[in-house]
């Protein structure tokens, strides 16, 4: 599921906005007829009479550190993504919204359920969207387990745009 980012009418100057949005998110925009958007909150649609809406990928961040959640949310939104945050795996699973993400960024070290356990729980619920495991210390056992499951690992602290680049790469691959 994608989050609306902009709406407009064909031919009213929206092509420049669409180009910017596409470049910002690093993905091809998804245009949907307005009649398919019955559940979209009015505040997300900038032009209620629009013929289409452009949507952006939803990144789900799961981390027990509120400061990490907040900073990731801020930086990923600047990069053109919609972001939902959860403090741990059980909170995400209990929300029932786990299928709404286009990519999951999951911390490994959390108190009630670790990152690998959460990703495995998502896979058991048939959620096949890409997931990234965030770690602070390399472990050969964890690295092998993640590699076997096809889950990329990224280490904290994040260097340059490594996380954003990986998210874009995974989102583009899952759209193909």
N, C-alpha and C. Protein backbone atom coordinates (compact mmCIF):
# COMPACT_ATOMS: atom_id res chain seq x y z
N UNK A 1 0.84 -1.17 0.00
CA UNK A 1 0.00 0.00 0.00
C UNK A 1 0.88 1.23 0.00
N UNK A 2 0.51 2.21 -0.79
CA UNK A 2 1.26 3.44 -0.89
C UNK A 2 0.47 4.56 -0.23
N UNK A 3 1.17 5.59 0.22
CA UNK A 3 0.52 6.75 0.82
C UNK A 3 0.42 7.85 -0.22
N UNK A 4 -0.72 8.52 -0.30
CA UNK A 4 -0.84 9.62 -1.26
C UNK A 4 0.18 10.71 -0.97
N UNK A 5 0.73 11.27 -2.03
CA UNK A 5 1.67 12.37 -1.87
C UNK A 5 1.18 13.61 -2.59
N UNK A 6 0.49 13.46 -3.70
CA UNK A 6 0.00 14.62 -4.43
C UNK A 6 -1.14 14.19 -5.32
N UNK A 7 -1.97 15.15 -5.66
CA UNK A 7 -3.08 14.87 -6.56
C UNK A 7 -3.19 16.02 -7.54
N UNK A 8 -3.86 15.80 -8.63
CA UNK A 8 -4.02 16.87 -9.60
C UNK A 8 -4.87 16.45 -10.78
N UNK A 9 -5.01 17.37 -11.70
CA UNK A 9 -5.75 17.11 -12.93
C UNK A 9 -4.74 17.04 -14.07
N UNK A 10 -5.04 16.20 -15.04
CA UNK A 10 -4.18 16.12 -16.21
C UNK A 10 -4.06 17.51 -16.84
N UNK A 11 -2.84 17.89 -17.22
CA UNK A 11 -2.64 19.10 -17.98
C UNK A 11 -2.70 20.40 -17.19
N UNK A 12 -2.72 20.38 -15.88
CA UNK A 12 -2.76 21.64 -15.13
C UNK A 12 -1.44 21.94 -14.42
N UNK A 13 -0.34 21.54 -15.03
CA UNK A 13 0.96 21.83 -14.44
C UNK A 13 1.45 20.76 -13.49
N UNK A 14 0.77 19.62 -13.42
CA UNK A 14 1.16 18.58 -12.47
C UNK A 14 2.36 17.78 -12.95
N UNK A 15 2.70 17.86 -14.23
CA UNK A 15 3.80 17.02 -14.71
C UNK A 15 5.11 17.37 -14.02
N UNK A 16 5.35 18.65 -13.72
CA UNK A 16 6.57 19.02 -13.01
C UNK A 16 6.56 18.44 -11.60
N UNK A 17 5.41 18.50 -10.93
CA UNK A 17 5.30 17.93 -9.59
C UNK A 17 5.51 16.43 -9.63
N UNK A 18 4.95 15.77 -10.63
CA UNK A 18 5.11 14.32 -10.76
C UNK A 18 6.58 13.97 -10.97
N UNK A 19 7.28 14.74 -11.78
CA UNK A 19 8.70 14.47 -12.02
C UNK A 19 9.49 14.62 -10.74
N UNK A 20 9.18 15.68 -9.95
CA UNK A 20 9.87 15.89 -8.69
C UNK A 20 9.60 14.74 -7.72
N UNK A 21 8.35 14.33 -7.62
CA UNK A 21 7.98 13.25 -6.71
C UNK A 21 8.67 11.96 -7.10
N UNK A 22 8.68 11.68 -8.39
CA UNK A 22 9.33 10.47 -8.87
C UNK A 22 10.81 10.49 -8.53
N UNK A 23 11.46 11.63 -8.74
CA UNK A 23 12.89 11.74 -8.43
C UNK A 23 13.13 11.64 -6.94
N UNK A 24 12.28 12.26 -6.13
CA UNK A 24 12.47 12.26 -4.68
C UNK A 24 12.35 10.86 -4.10
N UNK A 25 11.38 10.11 -4.56
CA UNK A 25 11.18 8.77 -4.01
C UNK A 25 12.05 7.75 -4.71
N UNK A 26 12.58 8.09 -5.87
CA UNK A 26 13.42 7.16 -6.61
C UNK A 26 12.62 6.03 -7.24
N UNK A 27 11.32 6.24 -7.41
CA UNK A 27 10.45 5.21 -7.93
C UNK A 27 9.54 5.78 -8.99
N UNK A 28 8.93 4.92 -9.77
CA UNK A 28 7.95 5.42 -10.72
C UNK A 28 6.66 5.74 -9.96
N UNK A 29 6.04 6.88 -10.31
CA UNK A 29 4.81 7.22 -9.60
C UNK A 29 3.67 6.28 -9.98
N UNK A 30 2.77 6.09 -9.07
CA UNK A 30 1.60 5.27 -9.32
C UNK A 30 0.41 6.22 -9.40
N UNK A 31 -0.24 6.26 -10.54
CA UNK A 31 -1.39 7.12 -10.73
C UNK A 31 -2.65 6.28 -10.61
N UNK A 32 -3.54 6.70 -9.75
CA UNK A 32 -4.79 5.99 -9.56
C UNK A 32 -5.95 6.91 -9.83
N UNK A 33 -7.00 6.42 -10.50
CA UNK A 33 -8.20 7.24 -10.67
C UNK A 33 -8.78 7.57 -9.30
N UNK A 34 -9.31 8.78 -9.16
CA UNK A 34 -9.83 9.22 -7.87
C UNK A 34 -10.94 8.32 -7.35
N UNK A 35 -11.72 7.71 -8.24
CA UNK A 35 -12.82 6.85 -7.77
C UNK A 35 -12.31 5.61 -7.03
N UNK A 36 -11.04 5.27 -7.19
CA UNK A 36 -10.46 4.13 -6.47
C UNK A 36 -9.94 4.50 -5.09
N UNK A 37 -10.08 5.76 -4.72
CA UNK A 37 -9.48 6.24 -3.48
C UNK A 37 -10.52 6.58 -2.42
N UNK A 38 -11.57 5.79 -2.33
CA UNK A 38 -12.64 6.08 -1.38
C UNK A 38 -12.13 6.17 0.06
N UNK A 39 -11.11 5.38 0.42
CA UNK A 39 -10.62 5.36 1.79
C UNK A 39 -9.56 6.40 2.11
N UNK A 40 -9.18 7.22 1.14
CA UNK A 40 -8.12 8.20 1.37
C UNK A 40 -8.68 9.39 2.14
N UNK A 41 -8.00 9.77 3.22
CA UNK A 41 -8.43 10.94 3.99
C UNK A 41 -8.33 12.18 3.12
N UNK A 42 -9.30 13.05 3.24
CA UNK A 42 -9.34 14.27 2.44
C UNK A 42 -8.06 15.08 2.60
N UNK A 43 -7.47 15.08 3.78
CA UNK A 43 -6.27 15.88 4.01
C UNK A 43 -5.08 15.39 3.18
N UNK A 44 -5.13 14.15 2.70
CA UNK A 44 -4.05 13.62 1.88
C UNK A 44 -4.20 13.99 0.41
N UNK A 45 -5.37 14.44 0.02
CA UNK A 45 -5.61 14.78 -1.37
C UNK A 45 -5.61 16.29 -1.48
N UNK A 46 -4.61 16.83 -2.21
CA UNK A 46 -4.45 18.27 -2.27
C UNK A 46 -5.48 18.93 -3.16
N UNK A 47 -6.09 18.20 -4.05
CA UNK A 47 -7.10 18.74 -4.97
C UNK A 47 -8.27 17.77 -5.01
N UNK A 48 -9.33 18.04 -4.24
CA UNK A 48 -10.46 17.09 -4.17
C UNK A 48 -11.09 16.80 -5.52
N UNK A 49 -10.94 17.67 -6.52
CA UNK A 49 -11.50 17.42 -7.85
C UNK A 49 -10.51 16.77 -8.78
N UNK A 50 -9.44 16.25 -8.25
CA UNK A 50 -8.36 15.70 -9.07
C UNK A 50 -8.79 14.46 -9.83
N UNK A 51 -8.12 14.24 -10.95
CA UNK A 51 -8.36 13.05 -11.76
C UNK A 51 -7.50 11.88 -11.30
N UNK A 52 -6.40 12.16 -10.62
CA UNK A 52 -5.49 11.11 -10.20
C UNK A 52 -4.78 11.53 -8.93
N UNK A 53 -4.10 10.57 -8.31
CA UNK A 53 -3.28 10.85 -7.14
C UNK A 53 -1.98 10.07 -7.28
N UNK A 54 -0.88 10.69 -6.87
CA UNK A 54 0.42 10.02 -6.89
C UNK A 54 0.66 9.49 -5.48
N UNK A 55 1.10 8.26 -5.39
CA UNK A 55 1.32 7.68 -4.08
C UNK A 55 2.79 7.36 -3.87
N UNK A 56 3.20 7.38 -2.61
CA UNK A 56 4.60 7.11 -2.29
C UNK A 56 4.72 5.87 -1.42
N UNK A 57 5.86 5.19 -1.47
CA UNK A 57 6.04 3.96 -0.69
C UNK A 57 5.94 4.21 0.82
N UNK A 58 5.38 3.24 1.52
CA UNK A 58 5.26 3.31 2.97
C UNK A 58 6.38 2.47 3.58
N UNK A 59 7.22 3.10 4.39
CA UNK A 59 8.30 2.41 5.07
C UNK A 59 7.86 2.22 6.52
N UNK A 60 7.92 1.00 7.00
CA UNK A 60 7.56 0.69 8.38
C UNK A 60 8.86 0.53 9.16
N UNK A 61 9.02 1.39 10.18
CA UNK A 61 10.21 1.37 11.03
C UNK A 61 9.81 0.78 12.37
N UNK A 62 10.54 -0.25 12.81
CA UNK A 62 10.26 -0.88 14.10
C UNK A 62 11.55 -0.82 14.92
N UNK A 63 11.49 -0.02 16.01
CA UNK A 63 12.65 0.15 16.88
C UNK A 63 12.16 0.58 18.25
N UNK A 64 12.74 0.02 19.30
CA UNK A 64 12.30 0.35 20.66
C UNK A 64 12.85 1.68 21.15
N UNK A 65 13.73 2.31 20.41
CA UNK A 65 14.30 3.60 20.79
C UNK A 65 13.50 4.71 20.10
N UNK A 66 12.74 5.49 20.87
CA UNK A 66 11.92 6.55 20.26
C UNK A 66 12.75 7.56 19.46
N UNK A 67 13.96 7.84 19.90
CA UNK A 67 14.81 8.80 19.19
C UNK A 67 15.19 8.26 17.81
N UNK A 68 15.46 6.97 17.72
CA UNK A 68 15.79 6.36 16.42
C UNK A 68 14.56 6.40 15.52
N UNK A 69 13.40 6.02 16.05
CA UNK A 69 12.16 6.07 15.26
C UNK A 69 11.91 7.47 14.73
N UNK A 70 12.05 8.45 15.59
CA UNK A 70 11.78 9.84 15.22
C UNK A 70 12.76 10.33 14.15
N UNK A 71 14.03 10.05 14.34
CA UNK A 71 15.02 10.53 13.36
C UNK A 71 14.89 9.81 12.03
N UNK A 72 14.62 8.50 12.06
CA UNK A 72 14.41 7.78 10.80
C UNK A 72 13.16 8.28 10.09
N UNK A 73 12.10 8.49 10.83
CA UNK A 73 10.86 9.01 10.24
C UNK A 73 11.13 10.35 9.55
N UNK A 74 11.81 11.24 10.26
CA UNK A 74 12.12 12.56 9.71
C UNK A 74 12.95 12.45 8.43
N UNK A 75 14.04 11.70 8.49
CA UNK A 75 14.94 11.64 7.33
C UNK A 75 14.32 10.89 6.15
N UNK A 76 13.56 9.84 6.41
CA UNK A 76 12.92 9.11 5.31
C UNK A 76 11.80 9.92 4.66
N UNK A 77 11.08 10.70 5.46
CA UNK A 77 10.05 11.57 4.89
C UNK A 77 10.69 12.64 4.01
N UNK A 78 11.85 13.16 4.40
CA UNK A 78 12.57 14.12 3.57
C UNK A 78 12.96 13.49 2.23
N UNK A 79 13.17 12.19 2.23
CA UNK A 79 13.55 11.49 1.00
C UNK A 79 12.34 11.11 0.15
N UNK A 80 11.13 11.46 0.61
CA UNK A 80 9.94 11.22 -0.21
C UNK A 80 9.12 10.00 0.17
N UNK A 81 9.46 9.36 1.27
CA UNK A 81 8.72 8.18 1.71
C UNK A 81 7.66 8.56 2.75
N UNK A 82 6.61 7.78 2.83
CA UNK A 82 5.68 7.85 3.96
C UNK A 82 6.24 6.87 5.00
N UNK A 83 6.12 7.20 6.28
CA UNK A 83 6.74 6.37 7.31
C UNK A 83 5.76 6.11 8.44
N UNK A 84 5.68 4.85 8.86
CA UNK A 84 4.94 4.47 10.05
C UNK A 84 5.95 3.88 11.03
N UNK A 85 5.83 4.23 12.30
CA UNK A 85 6.77 3.71 13.29
C UNK A 85 6.05 2.89 14.35
N UNK A 86 6.75 1.89 14.85
CA UNK A 86 6.25 1.03 15.92
C UNK A 86 7.39 0.80 16.90
N UNK A 87 7.06 0.68 18.19
CA UNK A 87 8.11 0.54 19.21
C UNK A 87 8.64 -0.88 19.34
N UNK A 88 7.89 -1.87 18.83
CA UNK A 88 8.39 -3.24 18.86
C UNK A 88 7.53 -4.13 17.96
N UNK A 89 7.97 -5.37 17.82
CA UNK A 89 7.27 -6.32 16.96
C UNK A 89 5.83 -6.58 17.36
N UNK A 90 5.57 -6.88 18.64
CA UNK A 90 4.19 -7.12 19.04
C UNK A 90 3.26 -5.93 18.74
N UNK A 91 3.75 -4.70 18.91
CA UNK A 91 2.90 -3.55 18.60
C UNK A 91 2.52 -3.54 17.12
N UNK A 92 3.48 -3.82 16.24
CA UNK A 92 3.19 -3.89 14.81
C UNK A 92 2.21 -5.01 14.51
N UNK A 93 2.48 -6.19 15.02
CA UNK A 93 1.61 -7.35 14.74
C UNK A 93 0.21 -7.14 15.29
N UNK A 94 0.10 -6.55 16.48
CA UNK A 94 -1.20 -6.28 17.09
C UNK A 94 -1.98 -5.22 16.34
N UNK A 95 -1.28 -4.33 15.62
CA UNK A 95 -1.95 -3.24 14.90
C UNK A 95 -2.78 -3.77 13.72
N UNK A 96 -2.40 -4.93 13.21
CA UNK A 96 -3.08 -5.45 12.03
C UNK A 96 -2.71 -4.74 10.75
N UNK A 97 -1.81 -3.76 10.83
CA UNK A 97 -1.41 -2.98 9.66
C UNK A 97 -0.10 -3.47 9.05
N UNK A 98 0.35 -4.64 9.44
CA UNK A 98 1.66 -5.11 8.99
C UNK A 98 1.71 -5.36 7.48
N UNK A 99 0.57 -5.52 6.84
CA UNK A 99 0.57 -5.73 5.38
C UNK A 99 0.61 -4.45 4.59
N UNK A 100 0.55 -3.30 5.28
CA UNK A 100 0.48 -2.01 4.60
C UNK A 100 1.84 -1.45 4.22
N UNK A 101 2.91 -2.02 4.69
CA UNK A 101 4.23 -1.49 4.40
C UNK A 101 4.79 -1.98 3.08
N UNK A 102 5.57 -1.11 2.44
CA UNK A 102 6.27 -1.50 1.21
C UNK A 102 7.67 -2.01 1.51
N UNK A 103 8.19 -1.60 2.65
CA UNK A 103 9.50 -2.05 3.10
C UNK A 103 9.55 -1.89 4.62
N UNK A 104 10.17 -2.85 5.30
CA UNK A 104 10.27 -2.83 6.75
C UNK A 104 11.72 -2.60 7.14
N UNK A 105 11.94 -1.67 8.06
CA UNK A 105 13.26 -1.41 8.63
C UNK A 105 13.14 -1.80 10.09
N UNK A 106 13.80 -2.90 10.47
CA UNK A 106 13.57 -3.53 11.77
C UNK A 106 14.87 -3.64 12.56
N UNK A 107 14.85 -3.09 13.77
CA UNK A 107 16.00 -3.21 14.67
C UNK A 107 16.07 -4.65 15.19
N UNK A 108 17.26 -5.20 15.30
CA UNK A 108 17.43 -6.56 15.79
C UNK A 108 17.22 -6.65 17.30
N UNK A 109 17.80 -5.71 18.05
CA UNK A 109 17.78 -5.80 19.52
C UNK A 109 16.61 -5.01 20.09
N UNK A 110 15.53 -5.74 20.36
CA UNK A 110 14.35 -5.15 21.01
C UNK A 110 13.94 -6.11 22.11
N UNK A 111 13.34 -5.60 23.19
CA UNK A 111 13.08 -6.44 24.36
C UNK A 111 12.06 -7.56 24.19
N UNK A 112 10.92 -7.32 23.59
CA UNK A 112 9.88 -8.35 23.59
C UNK A 112 9.98 -9.34 22.43
N UNK A 113 10.56 -8.92 21.34
CA UNK A 113 10.71 -9.77 20.16
C UNK A 113 11.84 -9.17 19.34
N UNK A 114 12.85 -9.98 19.01
CA UNK A 114 13.95 -9.41 18.24
C UNK A 114 13.56 -9.26 16.77
N UNK A 115 14.40 -8.56 16.02
CA UNK A 115 14.10 -8.25 14.63
C UNK A 115 13.90 -9.47 13.75
N UNK A 116 14.77 -10.48 13.88
CA UNK A 116 14.62 -11.69 13.07
C UNK A 116 13.31 -12.40 13.39
N UNK A 117 12.96 -12.46 14.66
CA UNK A 117 11.69 -13.09 15.05
C UNK A 117 10.50 -12.34 14.43
N UNK A 118 10.58 -11.01 14.42
CA UNK A 118 9.50 -10.23 13.82
C UNK A 118 9.39 -10.49 12.32
N UNK A 119 10.51 -10.47 11.64
CA UNK A 119 10.48 -10.71 10.19
C UNK A 119 9.96 -12.12 9.90
N UNK A 120 10.37 -13.10 10.68
CA UNK A 120 9.84 -14.46 10.52
C UNK A 120 8.34 -14.50 10.79
N UNK A 121 7.86 -13.73 11.79
CA UNK A 121 6.42 -13.68 12.07
C UNK A 121 5.66 -13.03 10.91
N UNK A 122 6.26 -12.01 10.29
CA UNK A 122 5.64 -11.38 9.13
C UNK A 122 5.56 -12.37 7.97
N UNK A 123 6.64 -13.10 7.74
CA UNK A 123 6.65 -14.09 6.65
C UNK A 123 5.61 -15.18 6.91
N UNK A 124 5.44 -15.58 8.16
CA UNK A 124 4.43 -16.59 8.52
C UNK A 124 3.02 -16.07 8.24
N UNK A 125 2.85 -14.75 8.23
CA UNK A 125 1.55 -14.13 7.93
C UNK A 125 1.46 -13.77 6.44
N UNK A 126 2.33 -14.34 5.65
CA UNK A 126 2.35 -14.14 4.19
C UNK A 126 2.72 -12.72 3.77
N UNK A 127 3.41 -11.97 4.62
CA UNK A 127 3.90 -10.64 4.26
C UNK A 127 5.27 -10.83 3.62
N UNK A 128 5.34 -10.59 2.33
CA UNK A 128 6.57 -10.86 1.58
C UNK A 128 7.30 -9.59 1.15
N UNK A 129 6.86 -8.45 1.64
CA UNK A 129 7.54 -7.20 1.30
C UNK A 129 8.96 -7.22 1.83
N UNK A 130 9.85 -6.45 1.20
CA UNK A 130 11.25 -6.44 1.65
C UNK A 130 11.39 -5.97 3.10
N UNK A 131 12.38 -6.52 3.76
CA UNK A 131 12.70 -6.13 5.14
C UNK A 131 14.21 -5.96 5.25
N UNK A 132 14.61 -5.00 6.06
CA UNK A 132 16.02 -4.72 6.34
C UNK A 132 16.21 -4.88 7.83
N UNK A 133 17.21 -5.64 8.20
CA UNK A 133 17.53 -5.85 9.61
C UNK A 133 18.63 -4.88 10.01
N UNK A 134 18.38 -4.10 11.05
CA UNK A 134 19.35 -3.11 11.55
C UNK A 134 20.03 -3.70 12.78
N UNK A 135 21.37 -3.72 12.72
CA UNK A 135 22.13 -4.28 13.84
C UNK A 135 23.17 -3.27 14.31
N UNK A 136 23.64 -3.46 15.54
CA UNK A 136 24.71 -2.59 16.03
C UNK A 136 26.02 -3.36 16.20
N UNK A 137 25.94 -4.69 16.21
CA UNK A 137 27.15 -5.52 16.33
C UNK A 137 27.00 -6.72 15.40
N UNK A 138 28.03 -6.96 14.58
CA UNK A 138 28.01 -8.11 13.67
C UNK A 138 28.10 -9.41 14.46
N UNK A 139 27.31 -10.36 14.04
CA UNK A 139 27.37 -11.70 14.61
C UNK A 139 27.35 -12.68 13.44
N UNK A 140 28.33 -13.56 13.35
CA UNK A 140 28.36 -14.51 12.23
C UNK A 140 27.10 -15.37 12.16
N UNK A 141 26.57 -15.77 13.31
CA UNK A 141 25.36 -16.61 13.33
C UNK A 141 24.17 -15.83 12.79
N UNK A 142 23.99 -14.59 13.25
CA UNK A 142 22.88 -13.76 12.78
C UNK A 142 23.04 -13.42 11.31
N UNK A 143 24.25 -13.10 10.90
CA UNK A 143 24.52 -12.78 9.49
C UNK A 143 24.16 -13.96 8.60
N UNK A 144 24.54 -15.17 9.00
CA UNK A 144 24.22 -16.36 8.22
C UNK A 144 22.71 -16.62 8.19
N UNK A 145 22.07 -16.45 9.32
CA UNK A 145 20.61 -16.67 9.42
C UNK A 145 19.86 -15.67 8.52
N UNK A 146 20.27 -14.40 8.55
CA UNK A 146 19.64 -13.38 7.72
C UNK A 146 19.90 -13.65 6.23
N UNK A 147 21.13 -14.02 5.90
CA UNK A 147 21.47 -14.32 4.50
C UNK A 147 20.64 -15.49 3.99
N UNK A 148 20.48 -16.51 4.79
CA UNK A 148 19.68 -17.67 4.40
C UNK A 148 18.23 -17.28 4.13
N UNK A 149 17.71 -16.30 4.90
CA UNK A 149 16.33 -15.84 4.74
C UNK A 149 16.21 -14.74 3.67
N UNK A 150 17.34 -14.31 3.10
CA UNK A 150 17.31 -13.27 2.08
C UNK A 150 17.04 -11.88 2.64
N UNK A 151 17.47 -11.65 3.87
CA UNK A 151 17.23 -10.37 4.54
C UNK A 151 18.54 -9.59 4.61
N UNK A 152 18.58 -8.42 3.96
CA UNK A 152 19.81 -7.62 4.05
C UNK A 152 19.98 -7.03 5.44
N UNK A 153 21.23 -6.88 5.83
CA UNK A 153 21.58 -6.31 7.13
C UNK A 153 22.28 -4.98 6.90
N UNK A 154 21.95 -4.01 7.73
CA UNK A 154 22.67 -2.74 7.71
C UNK A 154 23.07 -2.44 9.14
N UNK A 155 24.30 -1.93 9.29
CA UNK A 155 24.84 -1.70 10.63
C UNK A 155 24.70 -0.25 11.05
N UNK A 156 24.37 -0.06 12.35
CA UNK A 156 24.36 1.28 12.94
C UNK A 156 25.79 1.58 13.38
N UNK A 157 26.22 2.80 13.31
CA UNK A 157 25.51 3.96 12.76
C UNK A 157 25.48 3.89 11.24
N UNK A 158 24.42 4.47 10.67
CA UNK A 158 24.26 4.45 9.22
C UNK A 158 25.28 5.37 8.58
N UNK A 159 25.92 4.87 7.55
CA UNK A 159 26.91 5.67 6.84
C UNK A 159 26.27 6.28 5.60
N UNK A 160 26.47 7.57 5.42
CA UNK A 160 25.95 8.35 4.29
C UNK A 160 24.48 8.00 4.04
N UNK A 161 24.13 7.67 2.83
CA UNK A 161 22.75 7.36 2.45
C UNK A 161 22.56 5.85 2.27
N UNK A 162 23.34 5.05 2.94
CA UNK A 162 23.28 3.60 2.73
C UNK A 162 21.89 3.04 2.97
N UNK A 163 21.22 3.46 4.03
CA UNK A 163 19.88 2.94 4.33
C UNK A 163 18.88 3.37 3.26
N UNK A 164 18.88 4.64 2.90
CA UNK A 164 17.94 5.15 1.89
C UNK A 164 18.17 4.45 0.55
N UNK A 165 19.42 4.29 0.18
CA UNK A 165 19.74 3.62 -1.09
C UNK A 165 19.26 2.17 -1.07
N UNK A 166 19.44 1.48 0.04
CA UNK A 166 18.98 0.10 0.14
C UNK A 166 17.45 0.03 0.09
N UNK A 167 16.77 0.94 0.78
CA UNK A 167 15.30 0.97 0.73
C UNK A 167 14.83 1.18 -0.70
N UNK A 168 15.40 2.16 -1.39
CA UNK A 168 15.00 2.41 -2.79
C UNK A 168 15.23 1.18 -3.65
N UNK A 169 16.37 0.57 -3.50
CA UNK A 169 16.71 -0.62 -4.30
C UNK A 169 15.68 -1.73 -4.06
N UNK A 170 15.35 -1.97 -2.79
CA UNK A 170 14.40 -3.03 -2.47
C UNK A 170 12.99 -2.70 -2.93
N UNK A 171 12.58 -1.44 -2.81
CA UNK A 171 11.24 -1.04 -3.26
C UNK A 171 11.11 -1.15 -4.77
N UNK A 172 12.13 -0.72 -5.49
CA UNK A 172 12.12 -0.82 -6.95
C UNK A 172 12.07 -2.28 -7.37
N UNK A 173 12.88 -3.12 -6.73
CA UNK A 173 12.90 -4.56 -7.08
C UNK A 173 11.54 -5.20 -6.78
N UNK A 174 10.88 -4.78 -5.72
CA UNK A 174 9.58 -5.42 -5.39
C UNK A 174 8.47 -4.92 -6.30
N UNK A 175 8.66 -3.77 -6.97
CA UNK A 175 7.68 -3.26 -7.92
C UNK A 175 7.80 -3.94 -9.28
N UNK A 176 8.98 -4.48 -9.56
CA UNK A 176 9.23 -5.07 -10.89
C UNK A 176 8.40 -6.32 -11.11
